[in-house]
Structure formats: structure tokens, C-alpha cells
Amino acid sequence: MVAEPDFLEQVAAVARRHGVDPGELKEVAGGVANRGFVLGDELFLRVCRPGYEADLLKETHVVPAARSVGVLTPAIVEYDDSGHLIAAPYVVMERVHGTEPTNLPTGLANQLARLHQLERTLDLSGVGEDGWGDPWRTLDELADRGYLDPGTASWLTGWFTRLAERIDGSGAKVLIHGDVAAHNLLAGPEGELRALIDWGDAAWAPRAMDFAKLPLTQVAVLLPDYLRHSQSPESEEELAAAVLWFHLSWGLAKLPAAPWPGQRHWTAPTTSRMLNILHFFTTAPPQPWSDLT
């Protein structure tokens, strides 16, 4: 392990390499997979933490593809995994000035529609596939372990069966960002989306999965606008059912997890997803959501 003073000197060396005075270098708090540093006014440095090397390399393939269809995401200026300057892979990217939004940023629907144009025929190194999972197996395991009583498990089994009937044929896989959440969005002063960042979770997956890390109240607002811009063959009802599938499936799967305090994303607490679903369906959701229970 590199000592912190030595590591910071390595970061300073990268700054100098790009013509930035180390005095203009500032670390940004947060980041599970990478440590982030502002390099002056125009550049941003991300240094990979151990275990996330493949995700950072994946980003070097995904970001150009996303930018090719007009997705707002910073260009990669340099990727280096040689260990010559920093004893870890790193990327230097364009810096986009913006802040984490507190509300749904305008323009997000259009950006996701652009991204989802990229279908499985495109060969992107390191981008794997993801899918629907098996919630029925999850329910069996939760019931066996005492997290659910048999009656509740049976009710939830029926809910997934009804959702499955609605989303049959909605499995076309597109390129998804994989972590569309407030901490990966940069917005301007008027609430407009300026960038979608951090592509380490990108995958070939059903488009509905890209709406699984936003609260359902926001998804219900976002989907009609998304479909106006999208080439999706799915109706709003089909897409809403598929999004609900992921929220419900992931929420149930997380119930037995250990608490993870101190995280800023809303899905970190073990019960957040399930309580968000409860809140959504008890506050008169619009059509087609109200028919999905």
C-alpha cells in the first residue's frame, strides 16, 4: 500500500503532466470505486481503488460510445494503467461544472433515450450482460429464512407473476448506465442536466433497469418524457411494469443485508426500496402505475 504523502505526490505528478499547478489540485469527497481530484478549472482526475480496475477500464470503452450518440458525459483525456506515475489505474477527464441535483434534472429523459439507442450489436470490451433475475427464488429464500411469512410470500409471488405477464417481450437489451442516481448526475443552476458521470456499472440490460435507482415518484414523471424521445417498442404500461419489477425484486433481495450507514444514496438502507414502493402506492400514483398492483 502506498503511503498517503507518496500517493498525493503521485497525483501532483499527474497534475503537472497536464500543465496544472499542484496548488490547483483538490480532492472531492465520496466515491466508492475511485478517488476524485479537481485539476484546475478544466480537468478532473479519478484514481481507481483496489478491486475496481475492470470498471475503470470499461469506462474507457463506454464513454466514447455514449458520446457518439450525444450523451452528455465528460470526454476522457488520458487513461493510464502503467503504474509509472500513480500505482493504480487512473483517468483524466474533462471537468464539467455542476452540482448534484436535489430534484429530477431537466433533460435526463432525453439523455437516457439517446443512450438506449445503442443496442447489443455494438461490441464494447468489458461490458457484460444483466437481466431480470429470479425473484421467485428470492421469495423462497426469504420465507425459508424467516424474513417473510408464507402468506406474504404467496402474495408477492402472485405480484411478480402478474408483472411478468405485462412485461413479456420487453427483454431487448440496450446499453444502460447502470447507476442513474443523483450522485452520478451534474446539474446547472437552472436544474438542467449537464452530465451523466461514472460508467463503471454500464451493462447490456433491459432499458427498465436504468430507472431502478431513482425513486418511483421521479420515475413516474420521467417515463412519459423518455418515451417521447425514445425508440423503445414498449408502451408506458409495459415499461412501468418492468421498472417496478426491478424495484420490487432488488428491494426484497436487500432485506437480509447488513446495515450500511453513512452512505449518501437513498437505496443504501436495507428497507429503503420497499418503503419507497409503499409510499408511492399509498399516494395515488398516476396511470398506468395504479393498475400495476
C-alpha atoms as a PDB file:
ATOM      1  CA  MET A   1       0.000   0.000   0.000  1.00  0.00           C
ATOM      2  CA  VAL A   2       1.299   3.436  -0.971  1.00  0.00           C
ATOM      3  CA  ALA A   3       1.627   5.885   1.921  1.00  0.00           C
ATOM      4  CA  GLU A   4      -0.736   8.867   1.673  1.00  0.00           C
ATOM      5  CA  PRO A   5       2.014  11.536   1.256  1.00  0.00           C
ATOM      6  CA  ASP A   6       3.590   9.471  -1.539  1.00  0.00           C
ATOM      7  CA  PHE A   7       0.196   8.954  -3.178  1.00  0.00           C
ATOM      8  CA  LEU A   8      -0.583  12.664  -3.117  1.00  0.00           C
ATOM      9  CA  GLU A   9       2.801  13.379  -4.683  1.00  0.00           C
ATOM     10  CA  GLN A  10       1.926  10.920  -7.450  1.00  0.00           C
ATOM     11  CA  VAL A  11      -1.363  12.756  -8.001  1.00  0.00           C
ATOM     12  CA  ALA A  12       0.564  16.024  -8.150  1.00  0.00           C
ATOM     13  CA  ALA A  13       2.787  14.492 -10.828  1.00  0.00           C
ATOM     14  CA  VAL A  14      -0.285  13.783 -12.969  1.00  0.00           C
ATOM     15  CA  ALA A  15      -1.413  17.380 -12.478  1.00  0.00           C
ATOM     16  CA  ARG A  16       1.952  18.684 -13.640  1.00  0.00           C
ATOM     17  CA  ARG A  17       1.844  16.306 -16.619  1.00  0.00           C
ATOM     18  CA  HIS A  18      -1.297  18.107 -17.769  1.00  0.00           C
ATOM     19  CA  GLY A  19       0.041  21.587 -17.122  1.00  0.00           C
ATOM     20  CA  VAL A  20      -1.836  22.090 -13.864  1.00  0.00           C
ATOM     21  CA  ASP A  21      -0.124  23.567 -10.825  1.00  0.00           C
ATOM     22  CA  PRO A  22      -0.468  21.136  -7.870  1.00  0.00           C
ATOM     23  CA  GLY A  23      -1.823  24.081  -5.901  1.00  0.00           C
ATOM     24  CA  GLU A  24      -4.948  23.853  -8.075  1.00  0.00           C
ATOM     25  CA  LEU A  25      -5.453  20.222  -7.088  1.00  0.00           C
ATOM     26  CA  LYS A  26      -8.326  19.437  -4.716  1.00  0.00           C
ATOM     27  CA  GLU A  27      -9.768  16.091  -3.627  1.00  0.00           C
ATOM     28  CA  VAL A  28     -13.534  15.638  -3.871  1.00  0.00           C
ATOM     29  CA  ALA A  29     -15.178  13.659  -1.087  1.00  0.00           C
ATOM     30  CA  GLY A  30     -17.048  10.447  -1.800  1.00  0.00           C
ATOM     31  CA  GLY A  31     -16.560   7.835  -4.471  1.00  0.00           C
ATOM     32  CA  VAL A  32     -16.695   4.120  -3.742  1.00  0.00           C
ATOM     33  CA  ALA A  33     -14.765   2.925  -6.782  1.00  0.00           C
ATOM     34  CA  ASN A  34     -12.422   5.884  -7.309  1.00  0.00           C
ATOM     35  CA  ARG A  35     -10.828   8.820  -5.540  1.00  0.00           C
ATOM     36  CA  GLY A  36     -11.595  12.044  -7.382  1.00  0.00           C
ATOM     37  CA  PHE A  37      -9.493  15.190  -7.726  1.00  0.00           C
ATOM     38  CA  VAL A  38     -10.220  18.523  -9.365  1.00  0.00           C
ATOM     39  CA  LEU A  39      -7.279  19.515 -11.571  1.00  0.00           C
ATOM     40  CA  GLY A  40      -7.747  23.222 -12.039  1.00  0.00           C
ATOM     41  CA  ASP A  41     -10.716  24.559 -13.965  1.00  0.00           C
ATOM     42  CA  GLU A  42     -10.810  22.179 -16.906  1.00  0.00           C
ATOM     43  CA  LEU A  43      -9.774  18.678 -15.809  1.00  0.00           C
ATOM     44  CA  PHE A  44     -10.805  16.017 -13.321  1.00  0.00           C
ATOM     45  CA  LEU A  45      -8.741  13.026 -12.155  1.00  0.00           C
ATOM     46  CA  ARG A  46     -10.177   9.707 -10.969  1.00  0.00           C
ATOM     47  CA  VAL A  47      -7.817   7.192  -9.374  1.00  0.00           C
ATOM     48  CA  CYS A  48      -9.049   3.627  -9.132  1.00  0.00           C
ATOM     49  CA  ARG A  49      -9.447   1.992  -5.736  1.00  0.00           C
ATOM     50  CA  PRO A  50      -8.352  -1.671  -5.434  1.00  0.00           C
ATOM     51  CA  GLY A  51     -10.886  -4.080  -6.870  1.00  0.00           C
ATOM     52  CA  TYR A  52     -12.459  -1.690  -9.367  1.00  0.00           C
ATOM     53  CA  GLU A  53      -9.822  -1.803 -12.099  1.00  0.00           C
ATOM     54  CA  ALA A  54     -12.086  -3.581 -14.615  1.00  0.00           C
ATOM     55  CA  ASP A  55     -14.831  -0.993 -14.118  1.00  0.00           C
ATOM     56  CA  LEU A  56     -12.485   1.900 -14.868  1.00  0.00           C
ATOM     57  CA  LEU A  57     -11.176   0.180 -17.991  1.00  0.00           C
ATOM     58  CA  LYS A  58     -14.774  -0.468 -19.066  1.00  0.00           C
ATOM     59  CA  GLU A  59     -15.463   3.258 -18.855  1.00  0.00           C
ATOM     60  CA  THR A  60     -12.797   3.975 -21.458  1.00  0.00           C
ATOM     61  CA  HIS A  61     -14.860   1.967 -23.956  1.00  0.00           C
ATOM     62  CA  VAL A  62     -18.330   3.062 -22.866  1.00  0.00           C
ATOM     63  CA  VAL A  63     -17.770   6.823 -22.636  1.00  0.00           C
ATOM     64  CA  PRO A  64     -16.804   7.290 -26.327  1.00  0.00           C
ATOM     65  CA  ALA A  65     -19.791   5.168 -27.383  1.00  0.00           C
ATOM     66  CA  ALA A  66     -22.171   7.223 -25.243  1.00  0.00           C
ATOM     67  CA  ARG A  67     -20.726  10.498 -26.526  1.00  0.00           C
ATOM     68  CA  SER A  68     -21.112   9.276 -30.115  1.00  0.00           C
ATOM     69  CA  VAL A  69     -24.915   9.432 -29.743  1.00  0.00           C
ATOM     70  CA  GLY A  70     -24.881  12.788 -27.988  1.00  0.00           C
ATOM     71  CA  VAL A  71     -24.957  11.748 -24.350  1.00  0.00           C
ATOM     72  CA  LEU A  72     -23.652  14.486 -22.076  1.00  0.00           C
ATOM     73  CA  THR A  73     -20.680  12.925 -20.331  1.00  0.00           C
ATOM     74  CA  PRO A  74     -17.109  14.194 -19.913  1.00  0.00           C
ATOM     75  CA  ALA A  75     -14.578  13.121 -22.533  1.00  0.00           C
ATOM     76  CA  ILE A  76     -11.629  11.016 -21.423  1.00  0.00           C
ATOM     77  CA  VAL A  77      -8.356  12.886 -21.932  1.00  0.00           C
ATOM     78  CA  GLU A  78      -5.998  10.169 -20.675  1.00  0.00           C
ATOM     79  CA  TYR A  79      -6.210   6.633 -19.333  1.00  0.00           C
ATOM     80  CA  ASP A  80      -3.103   5.098 -17.748  1.00  0.00           C
ATOM     81  CA  ASP A  81      -2.681   1.750 -16.067  1.00  0.00           C
ATOM     82  CA  SER A  82       1.098   1.533 -16.443  1.00  0.00           C
ATOM     83  CA  GLY A  83       1.831   2.469 -12.830  1.00  0.00           C
ATOM     84  CA  HIS A  84       4.531   4.922 -13.928  1.00  0.00           C
ATOM     85  CA  LEU A  85       3.040   7.994 -12.278  1.00  0.00           C
ATOM     86  CA  ILE A  86       0.390   6.509  -9.973  1.00  0.00           C
ATOM     87  CA  ALA A  87       0.493   2.964  -8.629  1.00  0.00           C
ATOM     88  CA  ALA A  88      -3.103   2.417  -9.767  1.00  0.00           C
ATOM     89  CA  PRO A  89      -5.078   2.900 -12.992  1.00  0.00           C
ATOM     90  CA  TYR A  90      -6.405   6.421 -13.465  1.00  0.00           C
ATOM     91  CA  VAL A  91      -8.309   8.570 -15.939  1.00  0.00           C
ATOM     92  CA  VAL A  92      -8.065  12.283 -16.582  1.00  0.00           C
ATOM     93  CA  MET A  93     -11.346  13.657 -17.891  1.00  0.00           C
ATOM     94  CA  GLU A  94     -12.817  16.940 -18.934  1.00  0.00           C
ATOM     95  CA  ARG A  95     -14.271  18.770 -15.954  1.00  0.00           C
ATOM     96  CA  VAL A  96     -17.960  19.591 -16.124  1.00  0.00           C
ATOM     97  CA  HIS A  97     -19.078  22.307 -13.735  1.00  0.00           C
ATOM     98  CA  GLY A  98     -22.273  21.336 -11.977  1.00  0.00           C
ATOM     99  CA  THR A  99     -23.733  20.131  -8.701  1.00  0.00           C
ATOM    100  CA  GLU A 100     -25.593  17.044  -7.534  1.00  0.00           C
ATOM    101  CA  PRO A 101     -29.287  17.767  -8.179  1.00  0.00           C
ATOM    102  CA  THR A 102     -31.853  17.712  -5.406  1.00  0.00           C
ATOM    103  CA  ASN A 103     -34.718  17.293  -7.893  1.00  0.00           C
ATOM    104  CA  LEU A 104     -35.077  15.444 -11.165  1.00  0.00           C
ATOM    105  CA  PRO A 105     -32.920  17.401 -13.649  1.00  0.00           C
ATOM    106  CA  THR A 106     -34.450  18.517 -16.922  1.00  0.00           C
ATOM    107  CA  GLY A 107     -33.057  16.726 -19.957  1.00  0.00           C
ATOM    108  CA  LEU A 108     -32.419  13.383 -18.237  1.00  0.00           C
ATOM    109  CA  ALA A 109     -35.173  11.600 -20.174  1.00  0.00           C
ATOM    110  CA  ASN A 110     -33.691  12.699 -23.494  1.00  0.00           C
ATOM    111  CA  GLN A 111     -30.197  11.625 -22.435  1.00  0.00           C
ATOM    112  CA  LEU A 112     -31.339   8.143 -21.439  1.00  0.00           C
ATOM    113  CA  ALA A 113     -33.257   7.806 -24.693  1.00  0.00           C
ATOM    114  CA  ARG A 114     -30.094   8.656 -26.615  1.00  0.00           C
ATOM    115  CA  LEU A 115     -28.036   6.157 -24.642  1.00  0.00           C
ATOM    116  CA  HIS A 116     -30.548   3.355 -25.128  1.00  0.00           C
ATOM    117  CA  GLN A 117     -30.235   3.685 -28.919  1.00  0.00           C
ATOM    118  CA  LEU A 118     -27.055   1.639 -28.564  1.00  0.00           C
ATOM    119  CA  GLU A 119     -28.171  -1.962 -28.957  1.00  0.00           C
ATOM    120  CA  ARG A 120     -26.348  -5.233 -28.397  1.00  0.00           C
ATOM    121  CA  THR A 121     -24.842  -5.291 -31.908  1.00  0.00           C
ATOM    122  CA  LEU A 122     -22.192  -2.818 -30.699  1.00  0.00           C
ATOM    123  CA  ASP A 123     -19.096  -4.566 -29.369  1.00  0.00           C
ATOM    124  CA  LEU A 124     -17.842  -2.880 -26.212  1.00  0.00           C
ATOM    125  CA  SER A 125     -14.990  -4.544 -24.355  1.00  0.00           C
ATOM    126  CA  GLY A 126     -15.667  -5.292 -20.711  1.00  0.00           C
ATOM    127  CA  VAL A 127     -19.404  -4.582 -20.842  1.00  0.00           C
ATOM    128  CA  GLY A 128     -21.276  -7.600 -19.530  1.00  0.00           C
ATOM    129  CA  GLU A 129     -24.948  -8.543 -19.602  1.00  0.00           C
ATOM    130  CA  ASP A 130     -27.532  -8.229 -16.866  1.00  0.00           C
ATOM    131  CA  GLY A 131     -31.129  -9.352 -16.728  1.00  0.00           C
ATOM    132  CA  TRP A 132     -34.310  -9.911 -14.796  1.00  0.00           C
ATOM    133  CA  GLY A 133     -33.025 -12.179 -12.032  1.00  0.00           C
ATOM    134  CA  ASP A 134     -35.242 -14.734 -10.299  1.00  0.00           C
ATOM    135  CA  PRO A 135     -37.455 -13.029  -7.700  1.00  0.00           C
ATOM    136  CA  TRP A 136     -39.398 -16.229  -7.064  1.00  0.00           C
ATOM    137  CA  ARG A 137     -36.225 -17.858  -5.795  1.00  0.00           C
ATOM    138  CA  THR A 138     -35.552 -14.776  -3.658  1.00  0.00           C
ATOM    139  CA  LEU A 139     -39.021 -15.088  -2.141  1.00  0.00           C
ATOM    140  CA  ASP A 140     -38.495 -18.772  -1.358  1.00  0.00           C
ATOM    141  CA  GLU A 141     -35.192 -17.981   0.373  1.00  0.00           C
ATOM    142  CA  LEU A 142     -36.688 -15.100   2.378  1.00  0.00           C
ATOM    143  CA  ALA A 143     -39.551 -17.286   3.513  1.00  0.00           C
ATOM    144  CA  ASP A 144     -37.214 -20.151   4.449  1.00  0.00           C
ATOM    145  CA  ARG A 145     -35.033 -17.758   6.483  1.00  0.00           C
ATOM    146  CA  GLY A 146     -37.980 -16.236   8.308  1.00  0.00           C
ATOM    147  CA  TYR A 147     -37.966 -12.788   6.670  1.00  0.00           C
ATOM    148  CA  LEU A 148     -41.425 -13.377   5.179  1.00  0.00           C
ATOM    149  CA  ASP A 149     -44.438 -15.275   6.426  1.00  0.00           C
ATOM    150  CA  PRO A 150     -45.943 -17.797   3.955  1.00  0.00           C
ATOM    151  CA  GLY A 151     -48.998 -15.652   3.239  1.00  0.00           C
ATOM    152  CA  THR A 152     -46.923 -12.580   2.320  1.00  0.00           C
ATOM    153  CA  ALA A 153     -44.558 -14.693   0.225  1.00  0.00           C
ATOM    154  CA  SER A 154     -47.540 -16.109  -1.678  1.00  0.00           C
ATOM    155  CA  TRP A 155     -48.975 -12.626  -2.269  1.00  0.00           C
ATOM    156  CA  LEU A 156     -45.634 -11.338  -3.584  1.00  0.00           C
ATOM    157  CA  THR A 157     -45.260 -14.419  -5.792  1.00  0.00           C
ATOM    158  CA  GLY A 158     -48.580 -13.555  -7.396  1.00  0.00           C
ATOM    159  CA  TRP A 159     -47.498  -9.932  -7.875  1.00  0.00           C
ATOM    160  CA  PHE A 160     -44.375 -10.965  -9.784  1.00  0.00           C
ATOM    161  CA  THR A 161     -46.400 -13.380 -11.877  1.00  0.00           C
ATOM    162  CA  ARG A 162     -48.800 -10.581 -12.883  1.00  0.00           C
ATOM    163  CA  LEU A 163     -45.894  -8.247 -13.673  1.00  0.00           C
ATOM    164  CA  ALA A 164     -44.230 -10.976 -15.751  1.00  0.00           C
ATOM    165  CA  GLU A 165     -47.358 -11.222 -17.899  1.00  0.00           C
ATOM    166  CA  ARG A 166     -47.212  -7.467 -18.564  1.00  0.00           C
ATOM    167  CA  ILE A 167     -43.520  -7.333 -19.487  1.00  0.00           C
ATOM    168  CA  ASP A 168     -43.396 -10.433 -21.685  1.00  0.00           C
ATOM    169  CA  GLY A 169     -41.369  -9.451 -24.744  1.00  0.00           C
ATOM    170  CA  SER A 170     -39.744  -6.440 -23.078  1.00  0.00           C
ATOM    171  CA  GLY A 171     -36.340  -8.042 -22.805  1.00  0.00           C
ATOM    172  CA  ALA A 172     -34.425  -6.347 -25.647  1.00  0.00           C
ATOM    173  CA  LYS A 173     -31.047  -5.392 -24.218  1.00  0.00           C
ATOM    174  CA  VAL A 174     -29.596  -1.932 -24.709  1.00  0.00           C
ATOM    175  CA  LEU A 175     -26.606  -0.151 -23.244  1.00  0.00           C
ATOM    176  CA  ILE A 176     -27.564   1.179 -19.812  1.00  0.00           C
ATOM    177  CA  HIS A 177     -25.605   3.439 -17.493  1.00  0.00           C
ATOM    178  CA  GLY A 178     -26.451   1.155 -14.589  1.00  0.00           C
ATOM    179  CA  ASP A 179     -26.321   3.717 -11.776  1.00  0.00           C
ATOM    180  CA  VAL A 180     -28.607   6.596 -12.733  1.00  0.00           C
ATOM    181  CA  ALA A 181     -28.911   8.312  -9.372  1.00  0.00           C
ATOM    182  CA  ALA A 182     -28.435  11.845  -8.061  1.00  0.00           C
ATOM    183  CA  HIS A 183     -24.789  11.279  -7.083  1.00  0.00           C
ATOM    184  CA  ASN A 184     -23.954  10.469 -10.719  1.00  0.00           C
ATOM    185  CA  LEU A 185     -25.702  13.489 -12.212  1.00  0.00           C
ATOM    186  CA  LEU A 186     -24.367  17.029 -12.572  1.00  0.00           C
ATOM    187  CA  ALA A 187     -26.886  19.814 -12.983  1.00  0.00           C
ATOM    188  CA  GLY A 188     -26.639  23.512 -13.746  1.00  0.00           C
ATOM    189  CA  PRO A 189     -28.128  26.408 -11.769  1.00  0.00           C
ATOM    190  CA  GLU A 190     -31.494  26.121 -13.536  1.00  0.00           C
ATOM    191  CA  GLY A 191     -31.764  22.393 -12.825  1.00  0.00           C
ATOM    192  CA  GLU A 192     -30.704  21.368 -16.316  1.00  0.00           C
ATOM    193  CA  LEU A 193     -28.683  18.172 -16.705  1.00  0.00           C
ATOM    194  CA  ARG A 194     -25.078  18.914 -17.623  1.00  0.00           C
ATOM    195  CA  ALA A 195     -23.514  15.464 -17.341  1.00  0.00           C
ATOM    196  CA  LEU A 196     -24.114  11.840 -16.551  1.00  0.00           C
ATOM    197  CA  ILE A 197     -20.937  10.516 -14.886  1.00  0.00           C
ATOM    198  CA  ASP A 198     -19.367   7.300 -13.541  1.00  0.00           C
ATOM    199  CA  TRP A 199     -19.971   4.477 -16.022  1.00  0.00           C
ATOM    200  CA  GLY A 200     -18.485   1.609 -14.029  1.00  0.00           C
ATOM    201  CA  ASP A 201     -21.863  -0.189 -13.801  1.00  0.00           C
ATOM    202  CA  ALA A 202     -22.679   0.059 -17.518  1.00  0.00           C
ATOM    203  CA  ALA A 203     -24.141  -3.140 -18.946  1.00  0.00           C
ATOM    204  CA  TRP A 204     -26.232  -4.643 -21.713  1.00  0.00           C
ATOM    205  CA  ALA A 205     -29.587  -4.965 -19.992  1.00  0.00           C
ATOM    206  CA  PRO A 206     -33.317  -4.246 -20.307  1.00  0.00           C
ATOM    207  CA  ARG A 207     -33.840  -0.485 -20.535  1.00  0.00           C
ATOM    208  CA  ALA A 208     -36.104  -0.608 -17.469  1.00  0.00           C
ATOM    209  CA  MET A 209     -33.082  -1.366 -15.270  1.00  0.00           C
ATOM    210  CA  ASP A 210     -31.765   2.155 -15.854  1.00  0.00           C
ATOM    211  CA  PHE A 211     -34.748   3.518 -13.901  1.00  0.00           C
ATOM    212  CA  ALA A 212     -34.198   1.253 -10.899  1.00  0.00           C
ATOM    213  CA  LYS A 213     -32.084   3.631  -8.801  1.00  0.00           C
ATOM    214  CA  LEU A 214     -34.404   6.616  -8.944  1.00  0.00           C
ATOM    215  CA  PRO A 215     -37.350   6.911  -6.533  1.00  0.00           C
ATOM    216  CA  LEU A 216     -40.602   5.761  -8.127  1.00  0.00           C
ATOM    217  CA  THR A 217     -42.103   9.230  -7.743  1.00  0.00           C
ATOM    218  CA  GLN A 218     -39.379  10.521 -10.076  1.00  0.00           C
ATOM    219  CA  VAL A 219     -39.667   7.569 -12.460  1.00  0.00           C
ATOM    220  CA  ALA A 220     -43.394   8.192 -12.907  1.00  0.00           C
ATOM    221  CA  VAL A 221     -42.600  11.760 -14.026  1.00  0.00           C
ATOM    222  CA  LEU A 222     -39.662  10.690 -16.190  1.00  0.00           C
ATOM    223  CA  LEU A 223     -41.160   7.821 -18.234  1.00  0.00           C
ATOM    224  CA  PRO A 224     -43.639   9.755 -20.414  1.00  0.00           C
ATOM    225  CA  ASP A 225     -40.911  12.209 -21.437  1.00  0.00           C
ATOM    226  CA  TYR A 226     -38.482   9.337 -22.006  1.00  0.00           C
ATOM    227  CA  LEU A 227     -40.929   7.559 -24.322  1.00  0.00           C
ATOM    228  CA  ARG A 228     -41.470  10.752 -26.339  1.00  0.00           C
ATOM    229  CA  HIS A 229     -37.752  10.786 -27.148  1.00  0.00           C
ATOM    230  CA  SER A 230     -37.138   7.051 -27.261  1.00  0.00           C
ATOM    231  CA  GLN A 231     -37.184   4.393 -29.960  1.00  0.00           C
ATOM    232  CA  SER A 232     -38.473   1.933 -27.367  1.00  0.00           C
ATOM    233  CA  PRO A 233     -41.055  -0.541 -28.690  1.00  0.00           C
ATOM    234  CA  GLU A 234     -42.559  -0.780 -25.196  1.00  0.00           C
ATOM    235  CA  SER A 235     -45.666   1.047 -24.073  1.00  0.00           C
ATOM    236  CA  GLU A 236     -45.625   3.125 -20.903  1.00  0.00           C
ATOM    237  CA  GLU A 237     -47.521   0.363 -19.115  1.00  0.00           C
ATOM    238  CA  GLU A 238     -45.009  -2.295 -20.160  1.00  0.00           C
ATOM    239  CA  LEU A 239     -42.050  -0.147 -19.199  1.00  0.00           C
ATOM    240  CA  ALA A 240     -43.593   0.864 -15.872  1.00  0.00           C
ATOM    241  CA  ALA A 241     -44.254  -2.791 -15.035  1.00  0.00           C
ATOM    242  CA  ALA A 242     -40.652  -3.661 -15.881  1.00  0.00           C
ATOM    243  CA  VAL A 243     -39.296  -0.810 -13.738  1.00  0.00           C
ATOM    244  CA  LEU A 244     -41.484  -1.886 -10.833  1.00  0.00           C
ATOM    245  CA  TRP A 245     -40.170  -5.438 -11.266  1.00  0.00           C
ATOM    246  CA  PHE A 246     -36.619  -4.265 -10.606  1.00  0.00           C
ATOM    247  CA  HIS A 247     -37.550  -2.004  -7.682  1.00  0.00           C
ATOM    248  CA  LEU A 248     -39.524  -4.773  -6.018  1.00  0.00           C
ATOM    249  CA  SER A 249     -37.020  -7.531  -6.791  1.00  0.00           C
ATOM    250  CA  TRP A 250     -33.981  -5.545  -5.623  1.00  0.00           C
ATOM    251  CA  GLY A 251     -35.809  -4.248  -2.582  1.00  0.00           C
ATOM    252  CA  LEU A 252     -36.700  -7.749  -1.431  1.00  0.00           C
ATOM    253  CA  ALA A 253     -33.200  -9.079  -2.121  1.00  0.00           C
ATOM    254  CA  LYS A 254     -31.703  -6.408   0.137  1.00  0.00           C
ATOM    255  CA  LEU A 255     -33.877  -7.089   3.191  1.00  0.00           C
ATOM    256  CA  PRO A 256     -31.380  -9.533   4.792  1.00  0.00           C
ATOM    257  CA  ALA A 257     -28.342  -7.293   4.111  1.00  0.00           C
ATOM    258  CA  ALA A 258     -26.352  -5.768   6.937  1.00  0.00           C
ATOM    259  CA  PRO A 259     -26.904  -2.030   7.516  1.00  0.00           C
ATOM    260  CA  TRP A 260     -24.546   0.258   5.606  1.00  0.00           C
ATOM    261  CA  PRO A 261     -24.593   3.592   7.446  1.00  0.00           C
ATOM    262  CA  GLY A 262     -23.023   6.812   6.237  1.00  0.00           C
ATOM    263  CA  GLN A 263     -23.884   6.373   2.551  1.00  0.00           C
ATOM    264  CA  ARG A 264     -25.463   9.217   0.633  1.00  0.00           C
ATOM    265  CA  HIS A 265     -27.534   7.249  -1.905  1.00  0.00           C
ATOM    266  CA  TRP A 266     -31.133   6.640  -0.883  1.00  0.00           C
ATOM    267  CA  THR A 267     -31.025   2.906  -1.675  1.00  0.00           C
ATOM    268  CA  ALA A 268     -28.279   2.192   0.874  1.00  0.00           C
ATOM    269  CA  PRO A 269     -30.532   1.445   3.891  1.00  0.00           C
ATOM    270  CA  THR A 270     -31.827  -2.112   3.712  1.00  0.00           C
ATOM    271  CA  THR A 271     -35.525  -1.182   3.767  1.00  0.00           C
ATOM    272  CA  SER A 272     -35.473   1.994   1.661  1.00  0.00           C
ATOM    273  CA  ARG A 273     -36.665   0.462  -1.596  1.00  0.00           C
ATOM    274  CA  MET A 274     -39.568  -1.389  -0.010  1.00  0.00           C
ATOM    275  CA  LEU A 275     -40.653   1.681   1.926  1.00  0.00           C
ATOM    276  CA  ASN A 276     -40.369   3.807  -1.235  1.00  0.00           C
ATOM    277  CA  ILE A 277     -42.694   1.369  -3.025  1.00  0.00           C
ATOM    278  CA  LEU A 278     -45.118   1.530  -0.082  1.00  0.00           C
ATOM    279  CA  HIS A 279     -45.028   5.327  -0.083  1.00  0.00           C
ATOM    280  CA  PHE A 280     -45.535   5.513  -3.848  1.00  0.00           C
ATOM    281  CA  PHE A 281     -48.571   3.258  -3.948  1.00  0.00           C
ATOM    282  CA  THR A 282     -50.238   4.957  -0.984  1.00  0.00           C
ATOM    283  CA  THR A 283     -50.066   8.435  -2.540  1.00  0.00           C
ATOM    284  CA  ALA A 284     -52.422   7.946  -5.521  1.00  0.00           C
ATOM    285  CA  PRO A 285     -49.886   7.142  -8.290  1.00  0.00           C
ATOM    286  CA  PRO A 286     -50.933   8.075 -11.838  1.00  0.00           C
ATOM    287  CA  GLN A 287     -51.858   5.679 -14.604  1.00  0.00           C
ATOM    288  CA  PRO A 288     -50.549   3.188 -15.578  1.00  0.00           C
ATOM    289  CA  TRP A 289     -48.880   2.683 -12.173  1.00  0.00           C
ATOM    290  CA  SER A 290     -52.126   2.486 -10.242  1.00  0.00           C
ATOM    291  CA  ASP A 291     -53.069  -0.661 -12.209  1.00  0.00           C
ATOM    292  CA  LEU A 292     -49.810  -2.492 -11.526  1.00  0.00           C
ATOM    293  CA  THR A 293     -50.621  -3.874  -8.076  1.00  0.00           C
END
